N, C-alpha and C. Protein backbone atom coordinates (compact mmCIF):
# COMPACT_ATOMS: atom_id res chain seq x y z
N UNK A 1 28.49 38.58 -69.03
CA UNK A 1 27.67 37.95 -68.05
C UNK A 1 28.33 38.27 -66.68
N UNK A 2 27.49 38.71 -65.77
CA UNK A 2 27.84 38.99 -64.38
C UNK A 2 27.11 37.93 -63.49
N UNK A 3 27.84 37.50 -62.52
CA UNK A 3 27.18 36.49 -61.71
C UNK A 3 27.44 36.94 -60.23
N UNK A 4 26.37 37.19 -59.48
CA UNK A 4 26.48 37.49 -58.05
C UNK A 4 26.30 36.19 -57.09
N UNK A 5 27.28 35.95 -56.37
CA UNK A 5 27.28 34.66 -55.59
C UNK A 5 27.24 34.92 -54.02
N UNK A 6 26.91 33.92 -53.43
CA UNK A 6 27.10 33.77 -51.92
C UNK A 6 28.24 32.73 -51.76
N UNK A 7 29.38 32.95 -51.06
CA UNK A 7 30.52 31.92 -50.87
C UNK A 7 29.97 30.99 -50.00
N UNK A 8 30.08 29.68 -50.40
CA UNK A 8 29.57 28.50 -49.58
C UNK A 8 30.97 27.95 -48.82
N UNK A 9 32.10 27.89 -49.45
CA UNK A 9 33.23 27.34 -48.84
C UNK A 9 34.48 27.81 -49.55
N UNK A 10 35.58 27.99 -48.79
CA UNK A 10 36.87 28.23 -49.25
C UNK A 10 37.78 27.12 -48.85
N UNK A 11 38.49 26.38 -49.63
CA UNK A 11 39.37 25.31 -49.33
C UNK A 11 40.74 25.49 -49.84
N UNK A 12 41.70 25.02 -49.16
CA UNK A 12 43.11 25.02 -49.75
C UNK A 12 43.29 24.10 -50.77
N UNK A 13 44.07 24.59 -51.99
CA UNK A 13 44.22 23.71 -53.18
C UNK A 13 45.57 23.92 -53.50
N UNK A 14 46.59 23.47 -52.61
CA UNK A 14 48.06 23.62 -52.90
C UNK A 14 48.23 25.23 -52.61
N UNK A 15 48.90 25.84 -53.59
CA UNK A 15 49.16 27.14 -53.49
C UNK A 15 48.02 28.10 -54.00
N UNK A 16 46.81 27.56 -54.00
CA UNK A 16 45.66 28.34 -54.31
C UNK A 16 44.59 28.10 -53.39
N UNK A 17 43.60 28.84 -53.45
CA UNK A 17 42.24 28.72 -52.63
C UNK A 17 41.19 28.43 -53.71
N UNK A 18 40.36 27.42 -53.38
CA UNK A 18 39.20 27.00 -54.14
C UNK A 18 37.94 27.49 -53.57
N UNK A 19 37.32 28.35 -54.23
CA UNK A 19 36.11 29.01 -53.74
C UNK A 19 34.86 28.43 -54.49
N UNK A 20 33.93 27.98 -53.73
CA UNK A 20 32.52 27.46 -54.26
C UNK A 20 31.46 28.41 -53.78
N UNK A 21 30.46 28.56 -54.47
CA UNK A 21 29.28 29.28 -54.09
C UNK A 21 28.03 29.10 -54.77
N UNK A 22 27.00 29.76 -54.28
CA UNK A 22 25.73 29.60 -54.79
C UNK A 22 25.36 30.79 -55.52
N UNK A 23 24.82 30.73 -56.84
CA UNK A 23 24.48 31.95 -57.58
C UNK A 23 23.14 32.58 -56.94
N UNK A 24 23.31 33.84 -56.64
CA UNK A 24 22.08 34.61 -56.26
C UNK A 24 21.42 35.40 -57.31
N UNK A 25 22.20 35.88 -58.40
CA UNK A 25 21.66 36.59 -59.43
C UNK A 25 22.62 36.52 -60.64
N UNK A 26 22.12 36.70 -61.80
CA UNK A 26 22.92 36.67 -62.99
C UNK A 26 22.39 37.62 -64.08
N UNK A 27 23.16 38.36 -64.86
CA UNK A 27 22.57 39.19 -65.79
C UNK A 27 23.77 39.35 -66.91
N UNK A 28 23.17 39.76 -68.16
CA UNK A 28 24.16 39.87 -69.32
C UNK A 28 24.20 41.30 -69.55
N UNK A 29 25.41 41.63 -69.99
CA UNK A 29 25.77 43.03 -70.45
C UNK A 29 26.56 42.98 -71.69
N UNK A 30 26.70 43.92 -72.53
CA UNK A 30 27.29 44.14 -73.75
C UNK A 30 28.79 44.55 -73.60
N UNK A 31 29.46 44.39 -72.48
CA UNK A 31 30.73 44.88 -72.34
C UNK A 31 31.72 43.78 -72.72
N UNK A 32 33.04 44.19 -73.02
CA UNK A 32 33.98 43.12 -73.18
C UNK A 32 34.37 42.47 -72.01
N UNK A 33 34.85 41.14 -71.95
CA UNK A 33 34.98 40.51 -70.62
C UNK A 33 36.26 41.04 -70.11
N UNK A 34 36.41 40.86 -68.75
CA UNK A 34 37.57 41.08 -68.06
C UNK A 34 38.37 39.72 -67.91
N UNK A 35 39.58 39.80 -68.37
CA UNK A 35 40.47 38.64 -68.32
C UNK A 35 41.75 38.87 -67.47
N UNK A 36 42.38 37.72 -67.15
CA UNK A 36 43.55 37.62 -66.37
C UNK A 36 44.44 36.65 -66.93
N UNK A 37 45.62 37.19 -67.47
CA UNK A 37 46.58 36.38 -68.27
C UNK A 37 48.08 36.90 -67.84
N UNK A 38 48.86 36.13 -67.46
CA UNK A 38 50.37 36.39 -67.04
C UNK A 38 50.29 37.50 -66.13
N UNK A 39 49.53 37.34 -65.10
CA UNK A 39 49.52 38.19 -63.91
C UNK A 39 49.01 39.69 -64.30
N UNK A 40 48.20 39.80 -65.35
CA UNK A 40 47.82 41.17 -65.78
C UNK A 40 46.22 41.07 -66.21
N UNK A 41 45.48 41.86 -65.60
CA UNK A 41 44.02 42.04 -65.94
C UNK A 41 44.01 42.72 -67.18
N UNK A 42 42.99 42.47 -68.15
CA UNK A 42 42.81 43.15 -69.41
C UNK A 42 41.44 42.92 -69.84
N UNK A 43 41.19 43.43 -71.03
CA UNK A 43 39.81 43.10 -71.84
C UNK A 43 40.19 42.69 -73.16
N UNK A 44 39.47 41.77 -73.69
CA UNK A 44 39.84 41.21 -75.07
C UNK A 44 38.47 41.20 -75.66
N UNK A 45 38.44 41.51 -76.90
CA UNK A 45 37.18 41.36 -77.81
C UNK A 45 37.37 40.22 -78.75
N UNK A 46 36.29 39.59 -79.19
CA UNK A 46 36.49 38.56 -80.16
C UNK A 46 37.09 39.01 -81.53
N UNK A 47 37.91 38.25 -82.15
CA UNK A 47 38.49 38.66 -83.41
C UNK A 47 37.86 37.98 -84.60
């Protein structure tokens, strides 16, 4: 699933930024998802 958004607001959330947006478009593709874990990007497939 890919989602294209327009950013509505960016607010401070402690040591993070919280981003809210409005969905402009969405579509489904058959690729493995991009994940972020322990400061590393990767792909994982269902087991």
